[in-house]
Amino acid sequence: KVLEKVSSISEVYFLRAIMDGIPPLKDKHLLIKDLRFEKVKVRIYQPKTSTSSQRRGMLYFHGGVGRFGSIRKSFTRYDYVKTLSLLFRYRLAPEHPYPAQFEDCLTATIHFMRTAQDYGVDPSRIIICGDSSGGTLTAAVAQALVNRRDLPKLRAQILIYPYLQCVDFNLPSYQQNAKVPILIKERTIVLGLKYHNIDLKKAVPLSSNSHVPEDLQLKYQKWVSADNIPHEFKTRGYKPNTKNAPSEELYRLVKPVFDTVFSPLLAEDSVIARLPEAFILTCEFDVLRDDGLLYKKRLEDHGIKVTWCHLQEGFHGTVFLAVYGSLISFRSGIKGLEKIVNFLRLM
């Protein structure tokens, strides 16, 4: 932020430079190749060990709110024996506005599902995974594929502290963790609006939920409500919020954020009911915690199997840090990473 004010370096390009400067993980057990699926850049982490059977494959969507991120991280070094992993470098905003990021992830996923056997992967054992906004993309891609009869069904989806809804920014986790780094409440809203190129000054009242018309409040309250959050998550400084008068002008301005590609929690029941098995990771000290809890409930209400990992000491980004080893990792991130790998091994 300071650099952006005193120089010509914008925040987004500064963050990209940092992310791209992270050295790629090396592992003597892996072959690492850069390819293109259609027009999407893909980095493949392929185990060197031979096997007589087909492997499972994991497709990974990085976070960064569609504006920055890195394909230089991977869970594969923890589970290189049987998994082939692909990390996608989708197009980034603002050069490529939303929903280019989703379109790239969907295009590359479909391409791999059709060609999985060329890489020694069983088409029935394909898992998609993402963290933060990458979790948003994971959920959106899974939803987009439920009606595709020309493709194999996804084996599972892994959502790591995902962003899933824009209806209620006063859920317990938003209140309790509003000032907890690295993802504070205000920044969550600002990044989401920047992703859509929405005028930030006009959209300030989003934090009070006045952007949701009464008819949509009635429609979504069965899915997005503090009433659906277990009591134990409300004991730490939560106060039921008073409803503010809806603003039609504000709604027209931010209407794109209600798109289910951006807010997968708002998908219709007919879509939710056909989704694959899920692994959902949430962190106690994360504004997005309740998004994961609400999605977990929706899936389970429709009979979808959910493996839930809640990191009691966790915060947004802790799993990302654990991938890079002991110097910058926390116990919560290491635990979360182990749980993800254990889930993968069952697929």
Foldseek 3Di string as FASTA:
>chain_A
DVCVVPHVDDPLVVVQVVQVPPAADDDPQWDWDWDDQPNWIKIKTAGPDDDPAFAAEEEEEEDDLQRHGHPRFDLCNVPVPGYMYMYIDFHGPPVDAPPSRLVSVLSNVQSCQVCVVVRRHDSQRYEYEYEECRLLSQLLSLLVCLPDPPGHHYQEYEYELYAAAQQACQALLLQQQQPPPDDHSVNVVVSNCVSNPFDCVVQVCSNLRLLADPVRCVVCCVLDHNVLPDPVLNPRDHDDDDHDHHDPVNNVRPVVCHPCSNRVSNDDLVSLLRGAAYEYEAESNESSRVVSSSSVVSNVVSVHHYHYHYQDHDYRCQLVQPSVDDPRHDPSNVVVSVVVSVVSVVD
